[in-house]
Structures are given as structure tokens and as C-alpha cells.
PDB file of N, CA and C in Angstrom:
ATOM      1  N   UNK A   1      37.529 137.865 131.261  1.00  0.00           N
ATOM      2  CA  UNK A   1      37.368 138.227 129.864  1.00  0.00           C
ATOM      3  C   UNK A   1      38.419 137.467 129.065  1.00  0.00           C
ATOM      4  N   UNK A   2      37.982 136.819 128.015  1.00  0.00           N
ATOM      5  CA  UNK A   2      38.922 136.107 127.158  1.00  0.00           C
ATOM      6  C   UNK A   2      39.015 136.822 125.821  1.00  0.00           C
ATOM      7  N   UNK A   3      40.129 136.637 125.155  1.00  0.00           N
ATOM      8  CA  UNK A   3      40.329 137.294 123.874  1.00  0.00           C
ATOM      9  C   UNK A   3      40.800 138.720 124.060  1.00  0.00           C
ATOM     10  N   UNK A   4      40.977 139.419 122.948  1.00  0.00           N
ATOM     11  CA  UNK A   4      41.454 140.802 123.028  1.00  0.00           C
ATOM     12  C   UNK A   4      40.386 141.704 123.640  1.00  0.00           C
ATOM     13  N   UNK A   5      40.807 142.795 124.262  1.00  0.00           N
ATOM     14  CA  UNK A   5      39.836 143.737 124.832  1.00  0.00           C
ATOM     15  C   UNK A   5      38.946 144.347 123.749  1.00  0.00           C
ATOM     16  N   UNK A   6      37.777 144.740 124.164  1.00  0.00           N
ATOM     17  CA  UNK A   6      36.851 145.439 123.282  1.00  0.00           C
ATOM     18  C   UNK A   6      37.460 146.773 122.841  1.00  0.00           C
ATOM     19  N   UNK A   7      37.104 147.248 121.657  1.00  0.00           N
ATOM     20  CA  UNK A   7      37.551 148.597 121.263  1.00  0.00           C
ATOM     21  C   UNK A   7      37.117 149.658 122.276  1.00  0.00           C
ATOM     22  N   UNK A   8      35.989 149.418 122.948  1.00  0.00           N
ATOM     23  CA  UNK A   8      35.525 150.370 123.958  1.00  0.00           C
ATOM     24  C   UNK A   8      36.542 150.516 125.092  1.00  0.00           C
ATOM     25  N   UNK A   9      37.260 149.429 125.395  1.00  0.00           N
ATOM     26  CA  UNK A   9      38.280 149.483 126.431  1.00  0.00           C
ATOM     27  C   UNK A   9      39.363 150.493 126.055  1.00  0.00           C
ATOM     28  N   UNK A  10      39.821 150.428 124.818  1.00  0.00           N
ATOM     29  CA  UNK A  10      40.865 151.347 124.362  1.00  0.00           C
ATOM     30  C   UNK A  10      40.343 152.783 124.287  1.00  0.00           C
ATOM     31  N   UNK A  11      39.109 152.929 123.861  1.00  0.00           N
ATOM     32  CA  UNK A  11      38.501 154.266 123.825  1.00  0.00           C
ATOM     33  C   UNK A  11      38.420 154.837 125.235  1.00  0.00           C
ATOM     34  N   UNK A  12      38.005 154.006 126.190  1.00  0.00           N
ATOM     35  CA  UNK A  12      37.914 154.451 127.581  1.00  0.00           C
ATOM     36  C   UNK A  12      39.269 154.841 128.150  1.00  0.00           C
ATOM     37  N   UNK A  13      40.289 154.039 127.873  1.00  0.00           N
ATOM     38  CA  UNK A  13      41.636 154.356 128.362  1.00  0.00           C
ATOM     39  C   UNK A  13      42.162 155.639 127.723  1.00  0.00           C
ATOM     40  N   UNK A  14      41.932 155.802 126.428  1.00  0.00           N
ATOM     41  CA  UNK A  14      42.347 157.030 125.747  1.00  0.00           C
ATOM     42  C   UNK A  14      41.610 158.241 126.281  1.00  0.00           C
ATOM     43  N   UNK A  15      40.324 158.060 126.564  1.00  0.00           N
ATOM     44  CA  UNK A  15      39.514 159.137 127.119  1.00  0.00           C
ATOM     45  C   UNK A  15      40.012 159.538 128.506  1.00  0.00           C
ATOM     46  N   UNK A  16      40.369 158.555 129.325  1.00  0.00           N
ATOM     47  CA  UNK A  16      40.887 158.852 130.662  1.00  0.00           C
ATOM     48  C   UNK A  16      42.211 159.617 130.570  1.00  0.00           C
ATOM     49  N   UNK A  17      43.074 159.194 129.663  1.00  0.00           N
ATOM     50  CA  UNK A  17      44.349 159.893 129.477  1.00  0.00           C
ATOM     51  C   UNK A  17      44.115 161.332 129.006  1.00  0.00           C
ATOM     52  N   UNK A  18      43.170 161.505 128.090  1.00  0.00           N
ATOM     53  CA  UNK A  18      42.838 162.850 127.616  1.00  0.00           C
ATOM     54  C   UNK A  18      42.309 163.714 128.756  1.00  0.00           C
ATOM     55  N   UNK A  19      41.535 163.121 129.642  1.00  0.00           N
ATOM     56  CA  UNK A  19      41.017 163.846 130.791  1.00  0.00           C
ATOM     57  C   UNK A  19      42.146 164.392 131.657  1.00  0.00           C
ATOM     58  N   UNK A  20      43.171 163.577 131.881  1.00  0.00           N
ATOM     59  CA  UNK A  20      44.325 164.027 132.672  1.00  0.00           C
ATOM     60  C   UNK A  20      45.023 165.190 131.960  1.00  0.00           C
ATOM     61  N   UNK A  21      45.208 165.067 130.649  1.00  0.00           N
ATOM     62  CA  UNK A  21      45.855 166.130 129.875  1.00  0.00           C
ATOM     63  C   UNK A  21      45.059 167.428 129.943  1.00  0.00           C
ATOM     64  N   UNK A  22      43.750 167.320 129.787  1.00  0.00           N
ATOM     65  CA  UNK A  22      42.908 168.518 129.828  1.00  0.00           C
ATOM     66  C   UNK A  22      42.854 169.120 131.225  1.00  0.00           C
ATOM     67  N   UNK A  23      42.904 168.272 132.248  1.00  0.00           N
ATOM     68  CA  UNK A  23      42.963 168.776 133.617  1.00  0.00           C
ATOM     69  C   UNK A  23      44.240 169.562 133.859  1.00  0.00           C
ATOM     70  N   UNK A  24      45.352 169.034 133.377  1.00  0.00           N
ATOM     71  CA  UNK A  24      46.631 169.738 133.517  1.00  0.00           C
ATOM     72  C   UNK A  24      46.625 171.049 132.726  1.00  0.00           C
ATOM     73  N   UNK A  25      46.048 171.004 131.532  1.00  0.00           N
ATOM     74  CA  UNK A  25      45.946 172.220 130.731  1.00  0.00           C
ATOM     75  C   UNK A  25      45.134 173.278 131.471  1.00  0.00           C
ATOM     76  N   UNK A  26      44.037 172.859 132.083  1.00  0.00           N
ATOM     77  CA  UNK A  26      43.211 173.809 132.832  1.00  0.00           C
ATOM     78  C   UNK A  26      43.947 174.383 134.025  1.00  0.00           C
ATOM     79  N   UNK A  27      44.641 173.516 134.766  1.00  0.00           N
ATOM     80  CA  UNK A  27      45.336 173.956 135.977  1.00  0.00           C
ATOM     81  C   UNK A  27      46.521 174.861 135.675  1.00  0.00           C
ATOM     82  N   UNK A  28      47.168 174.651 134.553  1.00  0.00           N
ATOM     83  CA  UNK A  28      48.378 175.413 134.261  1.00  0.00           C
ATOM     84  C   UNK A  28      48.194 176.391 133.106  1.00  0.00           C
ATOM     85  N   UNK A  29      47.706 175.905 131.965  1.00  0.00           N
ATOM     86  CA  UNK A  29      47.573 176.747 130.784  1.00  0.00           C
ATOM     87  C   UNK A  29      46.494 177.805 130.903  1.00  0.00           C
ATOM     88  N   UNK A  30      45.307 177.388 131.329  1.00  0.00           N
ATOM     89  CA  UNK A  30      44.202 178.352 131.415  1.00  0.00           C
ATOM     90  C   UNK A  30      44.402 179.339 132.551  1.00  0.00           C
ATOM     91  N   UNK A  31      44.887 178.852 133.664  1.00  0.00           N
ATOM     92  CA  UNK A  31      45.124 179.735 134.819  1.00  0.00           C
ATOM     93  C   UNK A  31      46.122 180.833 134.432  1.00  0.00           C
ATOM     94  N   UNK A  32      47.144 180.465 133.674  1.00  0.00           N
ATOM     95  CA  UNK A  32      48.162 181.437 133.247  1.00  0.00           C
ATOM     96  C   UNK A  32      47.586 182.458 132.268  1.00  0.00           C
ATOM     97  N   UNK A  33      46.510 182.086 131.557  1.00  0.00           N
ATOM     98  CA  UNK A  33      45.897 183.000 130.580  1.00  0.00           C
ATOM     99  C   UNK A  33      44.878 183.925 131.227  1.00  0.00           C
ATOM    100  N   UNK A  34      44.705 183.820 132.532  1.00  0.00           N
ATOM    101  CA  UNK A  34      43.809 184.736 133.225  1.00  0.00           C
ATOM    102  C   UNK A  34      42.342 184.365 133.145  1.00  0.00           C
ATOM    103  N   UNK A  35      42.040 183.101 132.934  1.00  0.00           N
ATOM    104  CA  UNK A  35      40.656 182.648 132.926  1.00  0.00           C
ATOM    105  C   UNK A  35      40.068 182.874 134.323  1.00  0.00           C
ATOM    106  N   UNK A  36      38.821 183.275 134.382  1.00  0.00           N
ATOM    107  CA  UNK A  36      38.194 183.581 135.673  1.00  0.00           C
ATOM    108  C   UNK A  36      38.077 182.333 136.551  1.00  0.00           C
ATOM    109  N   UNK A  37      37.933 182.552 137.829  1.00  0.00           N
ATOM    110  CA  UNK A  37      37.761 181.465 138.794  1.00  0.00           C
ATOM    111  C   UNK A  37      36.508 180.658 138.462  1.00  0.00           C
ATOM    112  N   UNK A  38      35.448 181.333 138.052  1.00  0.00           N
ATOM    113  CA  UNK A  38      34.194 180.648 137.684  1.00  0.00           C
ATOM    114  C   UNK A  38      34.416 179.728 136.484  1.00  0.00           C
ATOM    115  N   UNK A  39      35.124 180.207 135.483  1.00  0.00           N
ATOM    116  CA  UNK A  39      35.398 179.386 134.307  1.00  0.00           C
ATOM    117  C   UNK A  39      36.318 178.210 134.640  1.00  0.00           C
ATOM    118  N   UNK A  40      37.290 178.420 135.525  1.00  0.00           N
ATOM    119  CA  UNK A  40      38.161 177.324 135.948  1.00  0.00           C
ATOM    120  C   UNK A  40      37.367 176.252 136.686  1.00  0.00           C
ATOM    121  N   UNK A  41      36.381 176.667 137.458  1.00  0.00           N
ATOM    122  CA  UNK A  41      35.526 175.710 138.166  1.00  0.00           C
ATOM    123  C   UNK A  41      34.711 174.894 137.160  1.00  0.00           C
ATOM    124  N   UNK A  42      34.226 175.524 136.118  1.00  0.00           N
ATOM    125  CA  UNK A  42      33.509 174.812 135.052  1.00  0.00           C
ATOM    126  C   UNK A  42      34.446 173.797 134.392  1.00  0.00           C
ATOM    127  N   UNK A  43      35.677 174.203 134.116  1.00  0.00           N
ATOM    128  CA  UNK A  43      36.670 173.306 133.507  1.00  0.00           C
ATOM    129  C   UNK A  43      36.925 172.109 134.426  1.00  0.00           C
ATOM    130  N   UNK A  44      37.068 172.373 135.717  1.00  0.00           N
ATOM    131  CA  UNK A  44      37.295 171.292 136.684  1.00  0.00           C
ATOM    132  C   UNK A  44      36.119 170.318 136.711  1.00  0.00           C
ATOM    133  N   UNK A  45      34.901 170.827 136.627  1.00  0.00           N
ATOM    134  CA  UNK A  45      33.725 169.964 136.561  1.00  0.00           C
ATOM    135  C   UNK A  45      33.788 169.089 135.322  1.00  0.00           C
ATOM    136  N   UNK A  46      34.153 169.693 134.199  1.00  0.00           N
ATOM    137  CA  UNK A  46      34.255 168.938 132.940  1.00  0.00           C
ATOM    138  C   UNK A  46      35.273 167.812 133.065  1.00  0.00           C
ATOM    139  N   UNK A  47      36.446 168.094 133.638  1.00  0.00           N
ATOM    140  CA  UNK A  47      37.466 167.052 133.744  1.00  0.00           C
ATOM    141  C   UNK A  47      37.068 165.981 134.754  1.00  0.00           C
ATOM    142  N   UNK A  48      36.385 166.377 135.823  1.00  0.00           N
ATOM    143  CA  UNK A  48      35.925 165.397 136.817  1.00  0.00           C
ATOM    144  C   UNK A  48      34.942 164.409 136.182  1.00  0.00           C
ATOM    145  N   UNK A  49      33.935 164.924 135.499  1.00  0.00           N
ATOM    146  CA  UNK A  49      32.956 164.052 134.849  1.00  0.00           C
ATOM    147  C   UNK A  49      33.588 163.263 133.708  1.00  0.00           C
ATOM    148  N   UNK A  50      34.528 163.875 133.015  1.00  0.00           N
ATOM    149  CA  UNK A  50      35.217 163.200 131.918  1.00  0.00           C
ATOM    150  C   UNK A  50      35.930 161.954 132.458  1.00  0.00           C
ATOM    151  N   UNK A  51      36.691 162.119 133.539  1.00  0.00           N
ATOM    152  CA  UNK A  51      37.426 160.982 134.097  1.00  0.00           C
ATOM    153  C   UNK A  51      36.479 159.951 134.701  1.00  0.00           C
ATOM    154  N   UNK A  52      35.511 160.387 135.467  1.00  0.00           N
ATOM    155  CA  UNK A  52      34.580 159.456 136.111  1.00  0.00           C
ATOM    156  C   UNK A  52      33.888 158.564 135.090  1.00  0.00           C
ATOM    157  N   UNK A  53      33.478 159.156 134.002  1.00  0.00           N
ATOM    158  CA  UNK A  53      32.726 158.400 133.012  1.00  0.00           C
ATOM    159  C   UNK A  53      33.631 157.652 132.036  1.00  0.00           C
ATOM    160  N   UNK A  54      34.894 158.055 131.956  1.00  0.00           N
ATOM    161  CA  UNK A  54      35.869 157.231 131.235  1.00  0.00           C
ATOM    162  C   UNK A  54      36.048 155.911 131.978  1.00  0.00           C
ATOM    163  N   UNK A  55      36.090 155.978 133.302  1.00  0.00           N
ATOM    164  CA  UNK A  55      36.178 154.753 134.109  1.00  0.00           C
ATOM    165  C   UNK A  55      34.924 153.908 133.904  1.00  0.00           C
ATOM    166  N   UNK A  56      33.762 154.549 133.861  1.00  0.00           N
ATOM    167  CA  UNK A  56      32.524 153.817 133.572  1.00  0.00           C
ATOM    168  C   UNK A  56      32.584 153.126 132.226  1.00  0.00           C
ATOM    169  N   UNK A  57      33.144 153.803 131.250  1.00  0.00           N
ATOM    170  CA  UNK A  57      33.301 153.222 129.917  1.00  0.00           C
ATOM    171  C   UNK A  57      34.219 151.998 129.958  1.00  0.00           C
ATOM    172  N   UNK A  58      35.289 152.086 130.712  1.00  0.00           N
ATOM    173  CA  UNK A  58      36.203 150.950 130.851  1.00  0.00           C
ATOM    174  C   UNK A  58      35.494 149.783 131.532  1.00  0.00           C
ATOM    175  N   UNK A  59      34.697 150.068 132.548  1.00  0.00           N
ATOM    176  CA  UNK A  59      33.924 149.015 133.226  1.00  0.00           C
ATOM    177  C   UNK A  59      32.951 148.370 132.253  1.00  0.00           C
ATOM    178  N   UNK A  60      32.250 149.193 131.490  1.00  0.00           N
ATOM    179  CA  UNK A  60      31.308 148.656 130.501  1.00  0.00           C
ATOM    180  C   UNK A  60      32.032 147.778 129.487  1.00  0.00           C
ATOM    181  N   UNK A  61      33.208 148.205 129.074  1.00  0.00           N
ATOM    182  CA  UNK A  61      33.984 147.429 128.095  1.00  0.00           C
ATOM    183  C   UNK A  61      34.374 146.069 128.652  1.00  0.00           C
ATOM    184  N   UNK A  62      34.593 145.994 129.940  1.00  0.00           N
ATOM    185  CA  UNK A  62      34.987 144.729 130.563  1.00  0.00           C
ATOM    186  C   UNK A  62      33.814 143.759 130.668  1.00  0.00           C
ATOM    187  N   UNK A  63      32.601 144.251 130.539  1.00  0.00           N
ATOM    188  CA  UNK A  63      31.418 143.400 130.677  1.00  0.00           C
ATOM    189  C   UNK A  63      30.663 143.246 129.369  1.00  0.00           C
ATOM    190  N   UNK A  64      31.295 143.651 128.262  1.00  0.00           N
ATOM    191  CA  UNK A  64      30.626 143.537 126.965  1.00  0.00           C
ATOM    192  C   UNK A  64      30.262 142.095 126.661  1.00  0.00           C
ATOM    193  N   UNK A  65      29.252 141.928 125.888  1.00  0.00           N
ATOM    194  CA  UNK A  65      28.836 140.593 125.490  1.00  0.00           C
ATOM    195  C   UNK A  65      27.398 140.596 125.026  1.00  0.00           C
ATOM    196  N   UNK A  66      26.629 141.527 125.543  1.00  0.00           N
ATOM    197  CA  UNK A  66      25.247 141.672 125.113  1.00  0.00           C
ATOM    198  C   UNK A  66      25.075 143.066 124.521  1.00  0.00           C
ATOM    199  N   UNK A  67      24.054 143.215 123.744  1.00  0.00           N
ATOM    200  CA  UNK A  67      23.800 144.480 123.049  1.00  0.00           C
ATOM    201  C   UNK A  67      23.735 145.665 124.006  1.00  0.00           C
ATOM    202  N   UNK A  68      23.121 145.492 125.171  1.00  0.00           N
ATOM    203  CA  UNK A  68      22.961 146.637 126.075  1.00  0.00           C
ATOM    204  C   UNK A  68      24.301 147.169 126.566  1.00  0.00           C
ATOM    205  N   UNK A  69      25.340 146.302 126.595  1.00  0.00           N
ATOM    206  CA  UNK A  69      26.651 146.785 127.008  1.00  0.00           C
ATOM    207  C   UNK A  69      27.235 147.696 125.941  1.00  0.00           C
ATOM    208  N   UNK A  70      27.024 147.343 124.683  1.00  0.00           N
ATOM    209  CA  UNK A  70      27.470 148.233 123.619  1.00  0.00           C
ATOM    210  C   UNK A  70      26.766 149.578 123.727  1.00  0.00           C
ATOM    211  N   UNK A  71      25.484 149.553 124.036  1.00  0.00           N
ATOM    212  CA  UNK A  71      24.737 150.793 124.198  1.00  0.00           C
ATOM    213  C   UNK A  71      25.237 151.578 125.397  1.00  0.00           C
ATOM    214  N   UNK A  72      25.558 150.870 126.484  1.00  0.00           N
ATOM    215  CA  UNK A  72      26.092 151.545 127.664  1.00  0.00           C
ATOM    216  C   UNK A  72      27.401 152.248 127.314  1.00  0.00           C
ATOM    217  N   UNK A  73      28.293 151.550 126.644  1.00  0.00           N
ATOM    218  CA  UNK A  73      29.577 152.140 126.255  1.00  0.00           C
ATOM    219  C   UNK A  73      29.372 153.321 125.309  1.00  0.00           C
ATOM    220  N   UNK A  74      28.461 153.173 124.369  1.00  0.00           N
ATOM    221  CA  UNK A  74      28.186 154.259 123.422  1.00  0.00           C
ATOM    222  C   UNK A  74      27.621 155.478 124.147  1.00  0.00           C
ATOM    223  N   UNK A  75      26.748 155.242 125.131  1.00  0.00           N
ATOM    224  CA  UNK A  75      26.177 156.360 125.889  1.00  0.00           C
ATOM    225  C   UNK A  75      27.219 157.036 126.775  1.00  0.00           C
ATOM    226  N   UNK A  76      28.124 156.250 127.364  1.00  0.00           N
ATOM    227  CA  UNK A  76      29.223 156.872 128.120  1.00  0.00           C
ATOM    228  C   UNK A  76      30.030 157.783 127.205  1.00  0.00           C
ATOM    229  N   UNK A  77      30.360 157.289 126.019  1.00  0.00           N
ATOM    230  CA  UNK A  77      31.146 158.086 125.071  1.00  0.00           C
ATOM    231  C   UNK A  77      30.405 159.345 124.644  1.00  0.00           C
ATOM    232  N   UNK A  78      29.128 159.192 124.318  1.00  0.00           N
ATOM    233  CA  UNK A  78      28.328 160.357 123.922  1.00  0.00           C
ATOM    234  C   UNK A  78      28.232 161.358 125.068  1.00  0.00           C
ATOM    235  N   UNK A  79      28.058 160.858 126.268  1.00  0.00           N
ATOM    236  CA  UNK A  79      27.970 161.748 127.426  1.00  0.00           C
ATOM    237  C   UNK A  79      29.250 162.533 127.644  1.00  0.00           C
ATOM    238  N   UNK A  80      30.382 161.873 127.471  1.00  0.00           N
ATOM    239  CA  UNK A  80      31.667 162.563 127.629  1.00  0.00           C
ATOM    240  C   UNK A  80      31.785 163.685 126.611  1.00  0.00           C
ATOM    241  N   UNK A  81      31.451 163.385 125.372  1.00  0.00           N
ATOM    242  CA  UNK A  81      31.544 164.402 124.317  1.00  0.00           C
ATOM    243  C   UNK A  81      30.558 165.541 124.580  1.00  0.00           C
ATOM    244  N   UNK A  82      29.302 165.190 124.887  1.00  0.00           N
ATOM    245  CA  UNK A  82      28.278 166.223 125.038  1.00  0.00           C
ATOM    246  C   UNK A  82      28.395 166.994 126.349  1.00  0.00           C
ATOM    247  N   UNK A  83      28.603 166.286 127.452  1.00  0.00           N
ATOM    248  CA  UNK A  83      28.660 166.958 128.757  1.00  0.00           C
ATOM    249  C   UNK A  83      29.995 167.683 128.911  1.00  0.00           C
ATOM    250  N   UNK A  84      31.068 166.910 128.970  1.00  0.00           N
ATOM    251  CA  UNK A  84      32.376 167.532 129.191  1.00  0.00           C
ATOM    252  C   UNK A  84      32.795 168.392 128.003  1.00  0.00           C
ATOM    253  N   UNK A  85      32.555 167.887 126.801  1.00  0.00           N
ATOM    254  CA  UNK A  85      32.925 168.653 125.612  1.00  0.00           C
ATOM    255  C   UNK A  85      32.255 170.010 125.542  1.00  0.00           C
ATOM    256  N   UNK A  86      30.971 170.057 125.902  1.00  0.00           N
ATOM    257  CA  UNK A  86      30.274 171.348 125.861  1.00  0.00           C
ATOM    258  C   UNK A  86      30.825 172.306 126.914  1.00  0.00           C
ATOM    259  N   UNK A  87      31.217 171.769 128.070  1.00  0.00           N
ATOM    260  CA  UNK A  87      31.796 172.628 129.109  1.00  0.00           C
ATOM    261  C   UNK A  87      33.187 173.122 128.712  1.00  0.00           C
ATOM    262  N   UNK A  88      33.998 172.233 128.119  1.00  0.00           N
ATOM    263  CA  UNK A  88      35.312 172.669 127.634  1.00  0.00           C
ATOM    264  C   UNK A  88      35.131 173.795 126.602  1.00  0.00           C
ATOM    265  N   UNK A  89      34.236 173.562 125.662  1.00  0.00           N
ATOM    266  CA  UNK A  89      34.001 174.553 124.597  1.00  0.00           C
ATOM    267  C   UNK A  89      33.445 175.855 125.166  1.00  0.00           C
ATOM    268  N   UNK A  90      32.586 175.751 126.168  1.00  0.00           N
ATOM    269  CA  UNK A  90      32.019 176.945 126.810  1.00  0.00           C
ATOM    270  C   UNK A  90      33.131 177.814 127.402  1.00  0.00           C
ATOM    271  N   UNK A  91      34.054 177.180 128.113  1.00  0.00           N
ATOM    272  CA  UNK A  91      35.149 177.933 128.725  1.00  0.00           C
ATOM    273  C   UNK A  91      36.054 178.544 127.655  1.00  0.00           C
ATOM    274  N   UNK A  92      36.377 177.781 126.634  1.00  0.00           N
ATOM    275  CA  UNK A  92      37.304 178.264 125.613  1.00  0.00           C
ATOM    276  C   UNK A  92      36.703 179.321 124.697  1.00  0.00           C
ATOM    277  N   UNK A  93      35.392 179.239 124.473  1.00  0.00           N
ATOM    278  CA  UNK A  93      34.768 180.155 123.515  1.00  0.00           C
ATOM    279  C   UNK A  93      33.883 181.214 124.152  1.00  0.00           C
ATOM    280  N   UNK A  94      33.474 180.983 125.394  1.00  0.00           N
ATOM    281  CA  UNK A  94      32.537 181.863 126.110  1.00  0.00           C
ATOM    282  C   UNK A  94      31.193 181.984 125.383  1.00  0.00           C
ATOM    283  N   UNK A  95      30.829 180.960 124.624  1.00  0.00           N
ATOM    284  CA  UNK A  95      29.532 180.893 123.948  1.00  0.00           C
ATOM    285  C   UNK A  95      28.526 180.270 124.918  1.00  0.00           C
ATOM    286  N   UNK A  96      27.701 181.074 125.538  1.00  0.00           N
ATOM    287  CA  UNK A  96      26.805 180.623 126.604  1.00  0.00           C
ATOM    288  C   UNK A  96      25.801 179.570 126.138  1.00  0.00           C
ATOM    289  N   UNK A  97      25.429 179.564 124.870  1.00  0.00           N
ATOM    290  CA  UNK A  97      24.444 178.602 124.363  1.00  0.00           C
ATOM    291  C   UNK A  97      24.934 177.166 124.505  1.00  0.00           C
ATOM    292  N   UNK A  98      26.241 176.954 124.617  1.00  0.00           N
ATOM    293  CA  UNK A  98      26.775 175.601 124.774  1.00  0.00           C
ATOM    294  C   UNK A  98      26.318 174.948 126.071  1.00  0.00           C
ATOM    295  N   UNK A  99      25.959 175.769 127.047  1.00  0.00           N
ATOM    296  CA  UNK A  99      25.441 175.244 128.305  1.00  0.00           C
ATOM    297  C   UNK A  99      24.151 174.457 128.122  1.00  0.00           C
ATOM    298  N   UNK A 100      23.429 174.698 127.040  1.00  0.00           N
ATOM    299  CA  UNK A 100      22.192 173.955 126.765  1.00  0.00           C
ATOM    300  C   UNK A 100      22.471 172.529 126.313  1.00  0.00           C
ATOM    301  N   UNK A 101      23.671 172.251 125.845  1.00  0.00           N
ATOM    302  CA  UNK A 101      24.044 170.912 125.388  1.00  0.00           C
ATOM    303  C   UNK A 101      24.397 170.015 126.575  1.00  0.00           C
ATOM    304  N   UNK A 102      24.917 170.612 127.628  1.00  0.00           N
ATOM    305  CA  UNK A 102      25.427 169.867 128.774  1.00  0.00           C
ATOM    306  C   UNK A 102      24.407 168.895 129.372  1.00  0.00           C
ATOM    307  N   UNK A 103      23.155 169.285 129.598  1.00  0.00           N
ATOM    308  CA  UNK A 103      22.197 168.340 130.184  1.00  0.00           C
ATOM    309  C   UNK A 103      21.924 167.115 129.307  1.00  0.00           C
ATOM    310  N   UNK A 104      22.048 167.253 127.999  1.00  0.00           N
ATOM    311  CA  UNK A 104      21.869 166.104 127.107  1.00  0.00           C
ATOM    312  C   UNK A 104      22.956 165.069 127.394  1.00  0.00           C
ATOM    313  N   UNK A 105      24.178 165.547 127.623  1.00  0.00           N
ATOM    314  CA  UNK A 105      25.256 164.651 128.007  1.00  0.00           C
ATOM    315  C   UNK A 105      24.984 164.000 129.355  1.00  0.00           C
ATOM    316  N   UNK A 106      24.409 164.761 130.278  1.00  0.00           N
ATOM    317  CA  UNK A 106      24.036 164.202 131.578  1.00  0.00           C
ATOM    318  C   UNK A 106      23.013 163.087 131.446  1.00  0.00           C
ATOM    319  N   UNK A 107      22.057 163.263 130.556  1.00  0.00           N
ATOM    320  CA  UNK A 107      21.066 162.199 130.309  1.00  0.00           C
ATOM    321  C   UNK A 107      21.731 160.960 129.718  1.00  0.00           C
ATOM    322  N   UNK A 108      22.715 161.167 128.856  1.00  0.00           N
ATOM    323  CA  UNK A 108      23.450 160.027 128.295  1.00  0.00           C
ATOM    324  C   UNK A 108      24.180 159.276 129.410  1.00  0.00           C
ATOM    325  N   UNK A 109      24.775 160.008 130.357  1.00  0.00           N
ATOM    326  CA  UNK A 109      25.443 159.369 131.493  1.00  0.00           C
ATOM    327  C   UNK A 109      24.460 158.533 132.308  1.00  0.00           C
ATOM    328  N   UNK A 110      23.305 159.106 132.591  1.00  0.00           N
ATOM    329  CA  UNK A 110      22.291 158.393 133.377  1.00  0.00           C
ATOM    330  C   UNK A 110      21.876 157.111 132.657  1.00  0.00           C
ATOM    331  N   UNK A 111      21.636 157.212 131.356  1.00  0.00           N
ATOM    332  CA  UNK A 111      21.271 156.032 130.577  1.00  0.00           C
ATOM    333  C   UNK A 111      22.363 154.984 130.569  1.00  0.00           C
ATOM    334  N   UNK A 112      23.604 155.414 130.464  1.00  0.00           N
ATOM    335  CA  UNK A 112      24.739 154.486 130.444  1.00  0.00           C
ATOM    336  C   UNK A 112      24.837 153.719 131.752  1.00  0.00           C
ATOM    337  N   UNK A 113      24.721 154.415 132.870  1.00  0.00           N
ATOM    338  CA  UNK A 113      24.781 153.743 134.170  1.00  0.00           C
ATOM    339  C   UNK A 113      23.590 152.808 134.352  1.00  0.00           C
ATOM    340  N   UNK A 114      22.419 153.231 133.893  1.00  0.00           N
ATOM    341  CA  UNK A 114      21.240 152.377 133.998  1.00  0.00           C
ATOM    342  C   UNK A 114      21.395 151.083 133.210  1.00  0.00           C
ATOM    343  N   UNK A 115      21.890 151.194 131.994  1.00  0.00           N
ATOM    344  CA  UNK A 115      22.099 149.988 131.183  1.00  0.00           C
ATOM    345  C   UNK A 115      23.178 149.095 131.793  1.00  0.00           C
ATOM    346  N   UNK A 116      24.205 149.707 132.354  1.00  0.00           N
ATOM    347  CA  UNK A 116      25.246 148.912 132.995  1.00  0.00           C
ATOM    348  C   UNK A 116      24.685 148.164 134.204  1.00  0.00           C
ATOM    349  N   UNK A 117      23.782 148.823 134.921  1.00  0.00           N
ATOM    350  CA  UNK A 117      23.161 148.172 136.086  1.00  0.00           C
ATOM    351  C   UNK A 117      22.334 146.960 135.692  1.00  0.00           C
ATOM    352  N   UNK A 118      21.786 146.979 134.491  1.00  0.00           N
ATOM    353  CA  UNK A 118      20.977 145.858 134.001  1.00  0.00           C
ATOM    354  C   UNK A 118      21.831 144.675 133.510  1.00  0.00           C
ATOM    355  N   UNK A 119      23.132 144.870 133.524  1.00  0.00           N
ATOM    356  CA  UNK A 119      24.033 143.869 132.946  1.00  0.00           C
ATOM    357  C   UNK A 119      24.013 142.549 133.698  1.00  0.00           C
ATOM    358  N   UNK A 120      23.859 142.584 134.977  1.00  0.00           N
ATOM    359  CA  UNK A 120      23.954 141.344 135.769  1.00  0.00           C
ATOM    360  C   UNK A 120      22.627 140.920 136.308  1.00  0.00           C
TER     361      UNK A 120
END
């Protein structure tokens, strides 16, 4: 890659760092507040997918150059917000309807990986 990194690269790195922070918050802050084991497991799932797809976003940023890569990066970002974000919000608010948003984020992840696969 020549020239400065894509903005998606910085977004991906920031997202990965946020994932670590939220994982630590879940392991220490939420556990201390008496969150149930089931809710902690949901939080762990959110942080796992958040980090995994932040790495996908960074990979997509490294291969930018065609329109589909921008779409792949955008879908990774949307998936992180919709999938992990809805799970974080579900645990913090106990609003069960947020679980309906999670699969939309999963579809965004699938689309992002599919577009990335078409890159080469």
C-alpha cells in the first residue's frame, strides 16, 4: 500500500481499541455490578464479534482501491454497530427488543466478508 492509510484503517484500529476497553469494562465493571452470568456471556459475545470484525475492517482497509472494498469496510462498520452495539445496549438496558437488531448486524458481517472475498 502506498500513500497514507485509508480512513477505514484508523476506524478499524479505533474500533479494535474500543473492543478491548469494553471487554475490560465487562470483565471488571459489569461483574462488580452484579450482572447475571447470562448477560456477561452476551457481553463477551459482543466484544468477541466486535474485535473479530474490527480486524476484518483493518484488512479491508489494506485492500481498498475498488468500490466494493469501500462497501466491505462500510458493512464491517455497520455490523459492529448493529450486532455488537445492540448486544451491549441489551445488557446495559435489559430492553429485549434490541435482540431483533442483532441479526441485521450479522447480515452486514456476512456481506462484508463476501465482498472482501471478491477483492482478488
